Amino acid sequence: MIDAFLPWLLEELANAGSSLFDLSKRVSLVYLISALLFASSLFFYRYGKAGLSRLNVYFSWRIWTHASARTDYALWLLNRLLLAIMIPKTLAQSVWISWLFFFWQEQGLSSLAIGLPDILVIAFFTLCYFLADDFSRFFVHWCMHKNAFLWAFHQVHHSATVLTPFTVFRTHPIEGLLFFLRSLFVQSLVISVFLVLFPNQISLIQVFGILITTFFFNVLGANLRHSGVALSYGERIEKWLISPAQHQIHHSNAKCHYDRNFGVALAIWDRLFGSWHQGKDDQEIIFGTKQPIDKEGFLGQWLIPFKDISLLFIKALKKGASCVDPDLFAPKKKARKGE
């Protein structure tokens, strides 16, 4: 058994390390470098040579070797191994697309047969795919802040007291599983519907094999979202696109920043849900939850959420409610942020 386990372990670790050279991964070196080029150009335009000093925190060795950052790295590697066990290889997107394809046909859905040009169908499909994926990311994220059970797992991500690009991997395995299922469901749904409506006409608009929206999102500073570099796009653009500064506000432990800026790429969802907040180049943010989990290593990050959920159940039992009171499981801001 060990003979089979060791090659698998080495392969998974090698695949994790290959993320640094994979354009489909946000932490690709290409995107790490492009984020710096994008930010330096914008800061130089706004503030001249003095603006370049705003990037110093990105190169701070104290940040990259901070205990919080080391926990990011550990969770990045260990979660990958754990999720490889939790998510069976048979749970492939192609399987679900095929099942949904025949399901829609059984429900009477059929080809539109209206003779649209391929380029128009491809553009429409790419737009729908992007919007469905981005909204579903926003909505699941929003739910994780509004429900105490889900927050118990999501607090792991918010427990980072310093941000580096690898903080994107600082998640509990249960959250990783939920987002995998979200992606599997939403993307399979959109693809299967278009396959039925426009057979032999759909494909995504891509750059270097990456969805065009994902590529430009990563090139234009996505890695700065999890960093100390506060980069605002300006109010007009930030009403439509989430900037690094806006996402840093989402990680703030200041009361005025609670539950703000859930969006990934588009800001329109936050505006619709009333959670939009503008970012600033000169904002000063303190990250973390102010809870003991902030100081925990990877093992505590894994276990504390289960402890918190157990306490929620005990609390419910003590109340003796015959049915669950929705307010009982709503995250309490003061308890969550230590106010």
C-alpha atoms as a PDB file:
ATOM      1  CA  MET A   1       0.000   0.000   0.000  1.00  0.00           C
ATOM      2  CA  ILE A   2       2.868   2.335   0.813  1.00  0.00           C
ATOM      3  CA  ASP A   3       4.310   1.604  -2.617  1.00  0.00           C
ATOM      4  CA  ALA A   4       1.111   2.991  -4.174  1.00  0.00           C
ATOM      5  CA  PHE A   5       0.728   5.874  -1.717  1.00  0.00           C
ATOM      6  CA  LEU A   6       4.150   7.456  -2.113  1.00  0.00           C
ATOM      7  CA  PRO A   7       3.969   7.937  -5.911  1.00  0.00           C
ATOM      8  CA  TRP A   8       0.473   9.431  -5.520  1.00  0.00           C
ATOM      9  CA  LEU A   9       1.717  11.774  -2.781  1.00  0.00           C
ATOM     10  CA  LEU A  10       4.685  12.924  -4.835  1.00  0.00           C
ATOM     11  CA  GLU A  11       2.494  13.426  -7.893  1.00  0.00           C
ATOM     12  CA  GLU A  12      -0.022  15.577  -5.994  1.00  0.00           C
ATOM     13  CA  LEU A  13       2.737  17.699  -4.437  1.00  0.00           C
ATOM     14  CA  ALA A  14       4.375  18.131  -7.829  1.00  0.00           C
ATOM     15  CA  ASN A  15       1.044  19.195  -9.309  1.00  0.00           C
ATOM     16  CA  ALA A  16       0.620  21.741  -6.522  1.00  0.00           C
ATOM     17  CA  GLY A  17       4.036  23.189  -7.261  1.00  0.00           C
ATOM     18  CA  SER A  18       3.239  23.276 -10.962  1.00  0.00           C
ATOM     19  CA  SER A  19       0.587  25.908 -10.175  1.00  0.00           C
ATOM     20  CA  LEU A  20       3.417  28.436 -10.291  1.00  0.00           C
ATOM     21  CA  PHE A  21       3.842  27.711 -13.998  1.00  0.00           C
ATOM     22  CA  ASP A  22       0.217  27.026 -14.945  1.00  0.00           C
ATOM     23  CA  LEU A  23      -1.654  29.913 -16.560  1.00  0.00           C
ATOM     24  CA  SER A  24      -4.941  28.442 -15.351  1.00  0.00           C
ATOM     25  CA  LYS A  25      -3.853  29.110 -11.746  1.00  0.00           C
ATOM     26  CA  ARG A  26      -3.977  32.581 -10.219  1.00  0.00           C
ATOM     27  CA  VAL A  27      -0.591  32.161  -8.508  1.00  0.00           C
ATOM     28  CA  SER A  28       1.201  31.531 -11.784  1.00  0.00           C
ATOM     29  CA  LEU A  29       4.472  33.464 -11.918  1.00  0.00           C
ATOM     30  CA  VAL A  30       3.164  35.193 -15.038  1.00  0.00           C
ATOM     31  CA  TYR A  31       0.260  36.645 -13.058  1.00  0.00           C
ATOM     32  CA  LEU A  32       2.410  37.443 -10.016  1.00  0.00           C
ATOM     33  CA  ILE A  33       4.697  39.506 -12.226  1.00  0.00           C
ATOM     34  CA  SER A  34       1.903  41.054 -14.320  1.00  0.00           C
ATOM     35  CA  ALA A  35       0.145  42.214 -11.140  1.00  0.00           C
ATOM     36  CA  LEU A  36       3.267  44.118 -10.132  1.00  0.00           C
ATOM     37  CA  LEU A  37       3.652  45.650 -13.583  1.00  0.00           C
ATOM     38  CA  PHE A  38       0.007  46.695 -13.642  1.00  0.00           C
ATOM     39  CA  ALA A  39       0.128  48.202 -10.138  1.00  0.00           C
ATOM     40  CA  SER A  40       3.455  49.971 -10.674  1.00  0.00           C
ATOM     41  CA  SER A  41       2.173  51.538 -13.901  1.00  0.00           C
ATOM     42  CA  LEU A  42      -1.009  52.746 -12.234  1.00  0.00           C
ATOM     43  CA  PHE A  43       0.766  54.061  -9.144  1.00  0.00           C
ATOM     44  CA  PHE A  44       3.391  55.809 -11.255  1.00  0.00           C
ATOM     45  CA  TYR A  45       0.640  57.442 -13.310  1.00  0.00           C
ATOM     46  CA  ARG A  46      -1.166  58.633 -10.201  1.00  0.00           C
ATOM     47  CA  TYR A  47       1.698  59.571  -7.867  1.00  0.00           C
ATOM     48  CA  GLY A  48       4.898  59.649  -9.884  1.00  0.00           C
ATOM     49  CA  LYS A  49       8.044  57.872  -8.700  1.00  0.00           C
ATOM     50  CA  ALA A  50       6.918  58.135  -5.076  1.00  0.00           C
ATOM     51  CA  GLY A  51       3.970  55.917  -5.914  1.00  0.00           C
ATOM     52  CA  LEU A  52       6.240  52.934  -6.543  1.00  0.00           C
ATOM     53  CA  SER A  53       7.027  52.760  -2.819  1.00  0.00           C
ATOM     54  CA  ARG A  54       3.446  51.561  -2.293  1.00  0.00           C
ATOM     55  CA  LEU A  55       4.601  48.185  -3.600  1.00  0.00           C
ATOM     56  CA  ASN A  56       7.220  47.733  -0.872  1.00  0.00           C
ATOM     57  CA  VAL A  57       4.883  45.683   1.293  1.00  0.00           C
ATOM     58  CA  TYR A  58       4.556  43.161  -1.530  1.00  0.00           C
ATOM     59  CA  PHE A  59       8.277  42.414  -1.295  1.00  0.00           C
ATOM     60  CA  SER A  60       8.463  42.408   2.507  1.00  0.00           C
ATOM     61  CA  TRP A  61      10.208  39.266   3.728  1.00  0.00           C
ATOM     62  CA  ARG A  62       8.443  39.673   7.073  1.00  0.00           C
ATOM     63  CA  ILE A  63       5.104  39.266   5.307  1.00  0.00           C
ATOM     64  CA  TRP A  64       6.090  36.244   3.229  1.00  0.00           C
ATOM     65  CA  THR A  65       7.627  34.454   6.252  1.00  0.00           C
ATOM     66  CA  HIS A  66       4.973  35.534   8.760  1.00  0.00           C
ATOM     67  CA  ALA A  67       3.320  32.730  10.777  1.00  0.00           C
ATOM     68  CA  SER A  68       0.013  33.493   9.064  1.00  0.00           C
ATOM     69  CA  ALA A  69       1.626  33.172   5.623  1.00  0.00           C
ATOM     70  CA  ARG A  70       3.262  29.889   6.624  1.00  0.00           C
ATOM     71  CA  THR A  71      -0.193  28.580   7.523  1.00  0.00           C
ATOM     72  CA  ASP A  72      -1.345  29.613   4.035  1.00  0.00           C
ATOM     73  CA  TYR A  73       1.388  27.493   2.469  1.00  0.00           C
ATOM     74  CA  ALA A  74       0.614  24.496   4.678  1.00  0.00           C
ATOM     75  CA  LEU A  75      -3.104  24.638   3.905  1.00  0.00           C
ATOM     76  CA  TRP A  76      -2.356  25.020   0.202  1.00  0.00           C
ATOM     77  CA  LEU A  77      -0.455  21.729   0.095  1.00  0.00           C
ATOM     78  CA  LEU A  78      -2.366  19.711   2.699  1.00  0.00           C
ATOM     79  CA  ASN A  79      -5.814  20.692   1.420  1.00  0.00           C
ATOM     80  CA  ARG A  80      -4.795  19.608  -2.046  1.00  0.00           C
ATOM     81  CA  LEU A  81      -3.932  16.155  -0.723  1.00  0.00           C
ATOM     82  CA  LEU A  82      -7.081  15.919   1.379  1.00  0.00           C
ATOM     83  CA  LEU A  83      -9.397  17.107  -1.408  1.00  0.00           C
ATOM     84  CA  ALA A  84      -7.800  14.620  -3.791  1.00  0.00           C
ATOM     85  CA  ILE A  85      -9.084  11.935  -1.414  1.00  0.00           C
ATOM     86  CA  MET A  86     -12.468  13.581  -0.722  1.00  0.00           C
ATOM     87  CA  ILE A  87     -13.334  14.222  -4.378  1.00  0.00           C
ATOM     88  CA  PRO A  88     -13.416  11.018  -6.443  1.00  0.00           C
ATOM     89  CA  LYS A  89     -11.969  11.096  -9.929  1.00  0.00           C
ATOM     90  CA  THR A  90     -15.314   9.848 -11.269  1.00  0.00           C
ATOM     91  CA  LEU A  91     -16.892  13.163 -10.250  1.00  0.00           C
ATOM     92  CA  ALA A  92     -15.800  14.652 -13.560  1.00  0.00           C
ATOM     93  CA  GLN A  93     -17.558  17.535 -15.262  1.00  0.00           C
ATOM     94  CA  SER A  94     -17.947  15.584 -18.502  1.00  0.00           C
ATOM     95  CA  VAL A  95     -20.051  12.953 -16.722  1.00  0.00           C
ATOM     96  CA  TRP A  96     -22.498  15.539 -15.378  1.00  0.00           C
ATOM     97  CA  ILE A  97     -22.644  17.461 -18.635  1.00  0.00           C
ATOM     98  CA  SER A  98     -23.592  14.251 -20.441  1.00  0.00           C
ATOM     99  CA  TRP A  99     -26.269  13.407 -17.864  1.00  0.00           C
ATOM    100  CA  LEU A 100     -27.742  16.923 -17.985  1.00  0.00           C
ATOM    101  CA  PHE A 101     -27.599  16.937 -21.798  1.00  0.00           C
ATOM    102  CA  PHE A 102     -29.896  13.902 -21.997  1.00  0.00           C
ATOM    103  CA  PHE A 103     -32.004  15.197 -19.099  1.00  0.00           C
ATOM    104  CA  TRP A 104     -32.807  18.439 -20.947  1.00  0.00           C
ATOM    105  CA  GLN A 105     -33.719  16.488 -24.082  1.00  0.00           C
ATOM    106  CA  GLU A 106     -36.071  14.290 -22.060  1.00  0.00           C
ATOM    107  CA  GLN A 107     -37.711  17.464 -20.750  1.00  0.00           C
ATOM    108  CA  GLY A 108     -38.399  18.602 -24.306  1.00  0.00           C
ATOM    109  CA  LEU A 109     -35.546  21.070 -24.758  1.00  0.00           C
ATOM    110  CA  SER A 110     -34.215  21.003 -28.302  1.00  0.00           C
ATOM    111  CA  SER A 111     -32.038  22.876 -30.755  1.00  0.00           C
ATOM    112  CA  LEU A 112     -33.208  26.391 -31.563  1.00  0.00           C
ATOM    113  CA  ALA A 113     -32.194  25.888 -35.200  1.00  0.00           C
ATOM    114  CA  ILE A 114     -32.212  29.614 -35.909  1.00  0.00           C
ATOM    115  CA  GLY A 115     -28.933  29.643 -37.802  1.00  0.00           C
ATOM    116  CA  LEU A 116     -26.940  32.101 -35.674  1.00  0.00           C
ATOM    117  CA  PRO A 117     -23.312  32.632 -36.748  1.00  0.00           C
ATOM    118  CA  ASP A 118     -20.796  30.583 -34.752  1.00  0.00           C
ATOM    119  CA  ILE A 119     -18.982  33.671 -33.482  1.00  0.00           C
ATOM    120  CA  LEU A 120     -22.199  35.101 -32.058  1.00  0.00           C
ATOM    121  CA  VAL A 121     -23.081  31.845 -30.292  1.00  0.00           C
ATOM    122  CA  ILE A 122     -19.556  31.535 -28.920  1.00  0.00           C
ATOM    123  CA  ALA A 123     -19.591  35.119 -27.617  1.00  0.00           C
ATOM    124  CA  PHE A 124     -23.027  34.647 -26.021  1.00  0.00           C
ATOM    125  CA  PHE A 125     -21.978  31.333 -24.469  1.00  0.00           C
ATOM    126  CA  THR A 126     -18.781  32.869 -23.058  1.00  0.00           C
ATOM    127  CA  LEU A 127     -20.765  35.743 -21.544  1.00  0.00           C
ATOM    128  CA  CYS A 128     -23.384  33.452 -19.959  1.00  0.00           C
ATOM    129  CA  TYR A 129     -20.698  31.091 -18.659  1.00  0.00           C
ATOM    130  CA  PHE A 130     -18.810  33.991 -17.055  1.00  0.00           C
ATOM    131  CA  LEU A 131     -21.912  35.622 -15.532  1.00  0.00           C
ATOM    132  CA  ALA A 132     -23.278  32.359 -14.110  1.00  0.00           C
ATOM    133  CA  ASP A 133     -19.903  31.397 -12.672  1.00  0.00           C
ATOM    134  CA  ASP A 134     -19.220  34.822 -11.184  1.00  0.00           C
ATOM    135  CA  PHE A 135     -22.678  35.191  -9.627  1.00  0.00           C
ATOM    136  CA  SER A 136     -22.566  31.689  -8.147  1.00  0.00           C
ATOM    137  CA  ARG A 137     -19.182  32.469  -6.566  1.00  0.00           C
ATOM    138  CA  PHE A 138     -20.631  35.661  -5.125  1.00  0.00           C
ATOM    139  CA  PHE A 139     -23.790  33.972  -3.817  1.00  0.00           C
ATOM    140  CA  VAL A 140     -22.032  31.041  -2.143  1.00  0.00           C
ATOM    141  CA  HIS A 141     -19.596  33.518  -0.585  1.00  0.00           C
ATOM    142  CA  TRP A 142     -22.500  35.678   0.611  1.00  0.00           C
ATOM    143  CA  CYS A 143     -24.164  32.624   2.165  1.00  0.00           C
ATOM    144  CA  MET A 144     -20.962  31.738   3.997  1.00  0.00           C
ATOM    145  CA  HIS A 145     -21.142  35.054   5.817  1.00  0.00           C
ATOM    146  CA  LYS A 146     -24.862  34.921   6.515  1.00  0.00           C
ATOM    147  CA  ASN A 147     -25.101  31.391   7.930  1.00  0.00           C
ATOM    148  CA  ALA A 148     -23.213  30.446  11.097  1.00  0.00           C
ATOM    149  CA  PHE A 149     -22.641  26.856   9.975  1.00  0.00           C
ATOM    150  CA  LEU A 150     -20.989  27.999   6.767  1.00  0.00           C
ATOM    151  CA  TRP A 151     -19.148  30.830   8.514  1.00  0.00           C
ATOM    152  CA  ALA A 152     -17.584  28.279  10.861  1.00  0.00           C
ATOM    153  CA  PHE A 153     -15.672  26.960   7.842  1.00  0.00           C
ATOM    154  CA  HIS A 154     -15.216  30.273   6.016  1.00  0.00           C
ATOM    155  CA  GLN A 155     -13.632  31.920   9.063  1.00  0.00           C
ATOM    156  CA  VAL A 156     -10.484  29.979   8.187  1.00  0.00           C
ATOM    157  CA  HIS A 157      -9.980  32.182   5.146  1.00  0.00           C
ATOM    158  CA  HIS A 158     -10.603  35.351   7.171  1.00  0.00           C
ATOM    159  CA  SER A 159      -8.234  34.320   9.953  1.00  0.00           C
ATOM    160  CA  ALA A 160      -5.239  35.441   7.882  1.00  0.00           C
ATOM    161  CA  THR A 161      -3.595  38.383   9.650  1.00  0.00           C
ATOM    162  CA  VAL A 162      -1.332  39.136   6.687  1.00  0.00           C
ATOM    163  CA  LEU A 163      -2.281  38.614   3.062  1.00  0.00           C
ATOM    164  CA  THR A 164      -0.151  37.093   0.320  1.00  0.00           C
ATOM    165  CA  PRO A 165      -1.294  35.727  -3.058  1.00  0.00           C
ATOM    166  CA  PHE A 166      -1.288  32.262  -1.452  1.00  0.00           C
ATOM    167  CA  THR A 167      -4.013  33.321   0.997  1.00  0.00           C
ATOM    168  CA  VAL A 168      -6.428  32.399  -1.799  1.00  0.00           C
ATOM    169  CA  PHE A 169      -5.665  28.780  -0.829  1.00  0.00           C
ATOM    170  CA  ARG A 170      -6.294  29.396   2.876  1.00  0.00           C
ATOM    171  CA  THR A 171      -9.610  27.571   3.097  1.00  0.00           C
ATOM    172  CA  HIS A 172     -11.106  24.756   5.107  1.00  0.00           C
ATOM    173  CA  PRO A 173     -11.419  21.503   3.105  1.00  0.00           C
ATOM    174  CA  ILE A 174     -15.208  21.618   3.532  1.00  0.00           C
ATOM    175  CA  GLU A 175     -15.290  25.046   1.901  1.00  0.00           C
ATOM    176  CA  GLY A 176     -13.056  23.724  -0.853  1.00  0.00           C
ATOM    177  CA  LEU A 177     -15.500  20.875  -1.411  1.00  0.00           C
ATOM    178  CA  LEU A 178     -18.484  23.262  -1.494  1.00  0.00           C
ATOM    179  CA  PHE A 179     -16.847  25.494  -4.082  1.00  0.00           C
ATOM    180  CA  PHE A 180     -15.887  22.470  -6.156  1.00  0.00           C
ATOM    181  CA  LEU A 181     -19.522  21.338  -6.175  1.00  0.00           C
ATOM    182  CA  ARG A 182     -20.627  24.889  -7.020  1.00  0.00           C
ATOM    183  CA  SER A 183     -18.311  24.958 -10.002  1.00  0.00           C
ATOM    184  CA  LEU A 184     -19.325  21.465 -11.099  1.00  0.00           C
ATOM    185  CA  PHE A 185     -23.047  22.261 -10.942  1.00  0.00           C
ATOM    186  CA  VAL A 186     -23.087  25.767 -12.456  1.00  0.00           C
ATOM    187  CA  GLN A 187     -20.636  25.156 -15.259  1.00  0.00           C
ATOM    188  CA  SER A 188     -22.170  21.796 -16.196  1.00  0.00           C
ATOM    189  CA  LEU A 189     -25.618  23.401 -16.204  1.00  0.00           C
ATOM    190  CA  VAL A 190     -24.634  26.210 -18.566  1.00  0.00           C
ATOM    191  CA  ILE A 191     -22.630  23.970 -20.906  1.00  0.00           C
ATOM    192  CA  SER A 192     -25.347  21.295 -21.142  1.00  0.00           C
ATOM    193  CA  VAL A 193     -28.079  23.837 -21.949  1.00  0.00           C
ATOM    194  CA  PHE A 194     -26.014  25.429 -24.721  1.00  0.00           C
ATOM    195  CA  LEU A 195     -25.069  22.007 -26.115  1.00  0.00           C
ATOM    196  CA  VAL A 196     -28.760  21.255 -26.539  1.00  0.00           C
ATOM    197  CA  LEU A 197     -29.734  24.684 -27.886  1.00  0.00           C
ATOM    198  CA  PHE A 198     -26.720  25.184 -30.175  1.00  0.00           C
ATOM    199  CA  PRO A 199     -25.244  21.754 -31.008  1.00  0.00           C
ATOM    200  CA  ASN A 200     -21.779  21.784 -32.575  1.00  0.00           C
ATOM    201  CA  GLN A 201     -21.525  25.568 -32.193  1.00  0.00           C
ATOM    202  CA  ILE A 202     -20.298  26.236 -28.668  1.00  0.00           C
ATOM    203  CA  SER A 203     -16.812  26.895 -27.377  1.00  0.00           C
ATOM    204  CA  LEU A 204     -15.310  29.475 -25.061  1.00  0.00           C
ATOM    205  CA  ILE A 205     -13.336  32.520 -26.120  1.00  0.00           C
ATOM    206  CA  GLN A 206      -9.917  31.815 -24.667  1.00  0.00           C
ATOM    207  CA  VAL A 207      -6.433  33.307 -24.437  1.00  0.00           C
ATOM    208  CA  PHE A 208      -3.595  30.768 -24.183  1.00  0.00           C
ATOM    209  CA  GLY A 209      -6.205  28.128 -23.414  1.00  0.00           C
ATOM    210  CA  ILE A 210      -7.695  30.154 -20.525  1.00  0.00           C
ATOM    211  CA  LEU A 211     -11.149  31.727 -20.441  1.00  0.00           C
ATOM    212  CA  ILE A 212     -10.637  35.279 -21.678  1.00  0.00           C
ATOM    213  CA  THR A 213     -12.271  36.889 -18.621  1.00  0.00           C
ATOM    214  CA  THR A 214     -10.168  34.777 -16.235  1.00  0.00           C
ATOM    215  CA  PHE A 215      -7.000  35.621 -18.132  1.00  0.00           C
ATOM    216  CA  PHE A 216      -7.490  39.386 -17.981  1.00  0.00           C
ATOM    217  CA  PHE A 217      -8.752  39.220 -14.389  1.00  0.00           C
ATOM    218  CA  ASN A 218      -5.501  37.502 -13.384  1.00  0.00           C
ATOM    219  CA  VAL A 219      -3.235  39.660 -15.549  1.00  0.00           C
ATOM    220  CA  LEU A 220      -4.694  42.910 -14.230  1.00  0.00           C
ATOM    221  CA  GLY A 221      -3.765  42.522 -10.590  1.00  0.00           C
ATOM    222  CA  ALA A 222      -5.900  39.671  -9.206  1.00  0.00           C
ATOM    223  CA  ASN A 223      -3.011  38.570  -6.974  1.00  0.00           C
ATOM    224  CA  LEU A 224      -2.996  41.976  -5.294  1.00  0.00           C
ATOM    225  CA  ARG A 225      -6.416  41.188  -3.801  1.00  0.00           C
ATOM    226  CA  HIS A 226      -4.622  39.079  -1.210  1.00  0.00           C
ATOM    227  CA  SER A 227      -1.776  41.433  -0.402  1.00  0.00           C
ATOM    228  CA  GLY A 228      -1.066  44.597   1.533  1.00  0.00           C
ATOM    229  CA  VAL A 229      -0.972  46.643  -1.679  1.00  0.00           C
ATOM    230  CA  ALA A 230      -4.119  48.766  -1.641  1.00  0.00           C
ATOM    231  CA  LEU A 231      -4.937  49.419  -5.282  1.00  0.00           C
ATOM    232  CA  SER A 232      -8.234  51.109  -6.113  1.00  0.00           C
ATOM    233  CA  TYR A 233      -9.673  51.262  -9.621  1.00  0.00           C
ATOM    234  CA  GLY A 234     -11.503  54.489  -8.820  1.00  0.00           C
ATOM    235  CA  GLU A 235     -15.188  54.835  -7.946  1.00  0.00           C
ATOM    236  CA  ARG A 236     -16.536  54.641 -11.496  1.00  0.00           C
ATOM    237  CA  ILE A 237     -14.780  51.371 -12.340  1.00  0.00           C
ATOM    238  CA  GLU A 238     -15.246  49.867  -8.878  1.00  0.00           C
ATOM    239  CA  LYS A 239     -19.001  50.074  -9.304  1.00  0.00           C
ATOM    240  CA  TRP A 240     -18.548  47.425 -11.971  1.00  0.00           C
ATOM    241  CA  LEU A 241     -15.322  45.562 -11.156  1.00  0.00           C
ATOM    242  CA  ILE A 242     -13.973  44.498  -7.754  1.00  0.00           C
ATOM    243  CA  SER A 243     -10.532  46.012  -7.143  1.00  0.00           C
ATOM    244  CA  PRO A 244      -7.769  44.662  -4.877  1.00  0.00           C
ATOM    245  CA  ALA A 245      -8.535  47.472  -2.411  1.00  0.00           C
ATOM    246  CA  GLN A 246     -12.190  46.441  -2.277  1.00  0.00           C
ATOM    247  CA  HIS A 247     -11.362  42.821  -1.530  1.00  0.00           C
ATOM    248  CA  GLN A 248      -8.950  43.900   1.202  1.00  0.00           C
ATOM    249  CA  ILE A 249     -11.881  45.754   2.781  1.00  0.00           C
ATOM    250  CA  HIS A 250     -13.696  42.418   2.774  1.00  0.00           C
ATOM    251  CA  HIS A 251     -10.860  41.010   4.919  1.00  0.00           C
ATOM    252  CA  SER A 252     -10.902  43.963   7.323  1.00  0.00           C
ATOM    253  CA  ASN A 253     -11.855  43.470  10.965  1.00  0.00           C
ATOM    254  CA  ALA A 254     -13.219  47.040  11.222  1.00  0.00           C
ATOM    255  CA  LYS A 255     -16.919  47.129  12.087  1.00  0.00           C
ATOM    256  CA  CYS A 256     -17.745  49.441   9.169  1.00  0.00           C
ATOM    257  CA  HIS A 257     -16.338  46.825   6.789  1.00  0.00           C
ATOM    258  CA  TYR A 258     -18.385  43.839   7.984  1.00  0.00           C
ATOM    259  CA  ASP A 259     -19.838  41.785   5.130  1.00  0.00           C
ATOM    260  CA  ARG A 260     -18.724  44.047   2.304  1.00  0.00           C
ATOM    261  CA  ASN A 261     -17.520  43.298  -1.222  1.00  0.00           C
ATOM    262  CA  PHE A 262     -18.296  39.597  -1.638  1.00  0.00           C
ATOM    263  CA  GLY A 263     -17.757  39.728  -5.390  1.00  0.00           C
ATOM    264  CA  VAL A 264     -14.947  38.040  -7.274  1.00  0.00           C
ATOM    265  CA  ALA A 265     -14.792  39.899 -10.587  1.00  0.00           C
ATOM    266  CA  LEU A 266     -18.014  41.896 -10.936  1.00  0.00           C
ATOM    267  CA  ALA A 267     -19.207  44.456  -8.387  1.00  0.00           C
ATOM    268  CA  ILE A 268     -22.767  44.554  -9.681  1.00  0.00           C
ATOM    269  CA  TRP A 269     -23.821  41.671  -7.426  1.00  0.00           C
ATOM    270  CA  ASP A 270     -22.669  43.600  -4.334  1.00  0.00           C
ATOM    271  CA  ARG A 271     -24.577  46.645  -5.488  1.00  0.00           C
ATOM    272  CA  LEU A 272     -27.717  44.553  -5.947  1.00  0.00           C
ATOM    273  CA  PHE A 273     -27.326  42.982  -2.483  1.00  0.00           C
ATOM    274  CA  GLY A 274     -26.363  46.260  -0.790  1.00  0.00           C
ATOM    275  CA  SER A 275     -22.873  45.105   0.201  1.00  0.00           C
ATOM    276  CA  TRP A 276     -20.772  47.294  -2.113  1.00  0.00           C
ATOM    277  CA  HIS A 277     -18.041  49.445  -0.560  1.00  0.00           C
ATOM    278  CA  GLN A 278     -15.518  51.603  -2.404  1.00  0.00           C
ATOM    279  CA  GLY A 279     -11.803  51.030  -1.954  1.00  0.00           C
ATOM    280  CA  LYS A 280      -9.047  53.627  -1.574  1.00  0.00           C
ATOM    281  CA  ASP A 281      -5.339  53.641  -2.387  1.00  0.00           C
ATOM    282  CA  ASP A 282      -4.557  55.139   1.017  1.00  0.00           C
ATOM    283  CA  GLN A 283      -6.796  52.890   3.142  1.00  0.00           C
ATOM    284  CA  GLU A 284      -5.272  51.227   6.189  1.00  0.00           C
ATOM    285  CA  ILE A 285      -6.657  47.773   6.851  1.00  0.00           C
ATOM    286  CA  ILE A 286      -6.103  45.399   9.765  1.00  0.00           C
ATOM    287  CA  PHE A 287      -6.774  41.820   8.707  1.00  0.00           C
ATOM    288  CA  GLY A 288      -8.078  38.867  10.697  1.00  0.00           C
ATOM    289  CA  THR A 289     -11.065  37.991  12.878  1.00  0.00           C
ATOM    290  CA  LYS A 290      -9.634  38.930  16.299  1.00  0.00           C
ATOM    291  CA  GLN A 291     -10.468  35.396  17.388  1.00  0.00           C
ATOM    292  CA  PRO A 292      -8.090  32.654  18.652  1.00  0.00           C
ATOM    293  CA  ILE A 293      -8.251  30.945  15.253  1.00  0.00           C
ATOM    294  CA  ASP A 294      -6.082  33.763  13.855  1.00  0.00           C
ATOM    295  CA  LYS A 295      -3.074  32.313  15.696  1.00  0.00           C
ATOM    296  CA  GLU A 296      -3.729  28.661  14.900  1.00  0.00           C
ATOM    297  CA  GLY A 297      -1.650  26.523  12.567  1.00  0.00           C
ATOM    298  CA  PHE A 298      -3.144  24.265   9.927  1.00  0.00           C
ATOM    299  CA  LEU A 299      -4.403  21.677  12.442  1.00  0.00           C
ATOM    300  CA  GLY A 300      -6.329  24.272  14.433  1.00  0.00           C
ATOM    301  CA  GLN A 301      -7.693  25.720  11.199  1.00  0.00           C
ATOM    302  CA  TRP A 302      -9.083  22.293  10.356  1.00  0.00           C
ATOM    303  CA  LEU A 303     -10.507  21.446  13.793  1.00  0.00           C
ATOM    304  CA  ILE A 304     -11.886  24.714  15.230  1.00  0.00           C
ATOM    305  CA  PRO A 305     -14.732  24.952  12.683  1.00  0.00           C
ATOM    306  CA  PHE A 306     -16.031  21.531  13.784  1.00  0.00           C
ATOM    307  CA  LYS A 307     -15.817  22.658  17.412  1.00  0.00           C
ATOM    308  CA  ASP A 308     -17.797  25.812  16.613  1.00  0.00           C
ATOM    309  CA  ILE A 309     -20.484  23.812  14.800  1.00  0.00           C
ATOM    310  CA  SER A 310     -20.782  21.474  17.790  1.00  0.00           C
ATOM    311  CA  LEU A 311     -21.373  24.500  20.011  1.00  0.00           C
ATOM    312  CA  LEU A 312     -24.092  25.702  17.641  1.00  0.00           C
ATOM    313  CA  PHE A 313     -25.892  22.380  17.921  1.00  0.00           C
ATOM    314  CA  ILE A 314     -25.581  22.393  21.708  1.00  0.00           C
ATOM    315  CA  LYS A 315     -26.973  25.911  21.801  1.00  0.00           C
ATOM    316  CA  ALA A 316     -29.924  24.820  19.687  1.00  0.00           C
ATOM    317  CA  LEU A 317     -30.602  21.826  21.915  1.00  0.00           C
ATOM    318  CA  LYS A 318     -30.483  23.954  25.043  1.00  0.00           C
ATOM    319  CA  LYS A 319     -33.069  26.284  23.571  1.00  0.00           C
ATOM    320  CA  GLY A 320     -35.237  23.200  23.117  1.00  0.00           C
ATOM    321  CA  ALA A 321     -36.619  24.461  19.822  1.00  0.00           C
ATOM    322  CA  SER A 322     -38.795  21.951  18.022  1.00  0.00           C
ATOM    323  CA  CYS A 323     -37.881  23.685  14.781  1.00  0.00           C
ATOM    324  CA  VAL A 324     -34.778  25.640  13.949  1.00  0.00           C
ATOM    325  CA  ASP A 325     -34.971  29.389  14.491  1.00  0.00           C
ATOM    326  CA  PRO A 326     -33.203  30.968  11.465  1.00  0.00           C
ATOM    327  CA  ASP A 327     -31.790  33.730  13.654  1.00  0.00           C
ATOM    328  CA  LEU A 328     -30.149  31.163  15.896  1.00  0.00           C
ATOM    329  CA  PHE A 329     -27.624  30.270  13.212  1.00  0.00           C
ATOM    330  CA  ALA A 330     -26.984  33.741  11.827  1.00  0.00           C
ATOM    331  CA  PRO A 331     -23.363  34.740  12.531  1.00  0.00           C
ATOM    332  CA  LYS A 332     -23.190  37.291  15.313  1.00  0.00           C
ATOM    333  CA  LYS A 333     -20.897  40.110  14.209  1.00  0.00           C
ATOM    334  CA  LYS A 334     -19.531  40.911  17.648  1.00  0.00           C
ATOM    335  CA  ALA A 335     -18.832  37.310  18.489  1.00  0.00           C
ATOM    336  CA  ARG A 336     -17.288  36.795  15.067  1.00  0.00           C
ATOM    337  CA  LYS A 337     -15.020  39.806  15.033  1.00  0.00           C
ATOM    338  CA  GLY A 338     -14.313  40.085  18.721  1.00  0.00           C
ATOM    339  CA  GLU A 339     -15.905  43.487  19.222  1.00  0.00           C
END
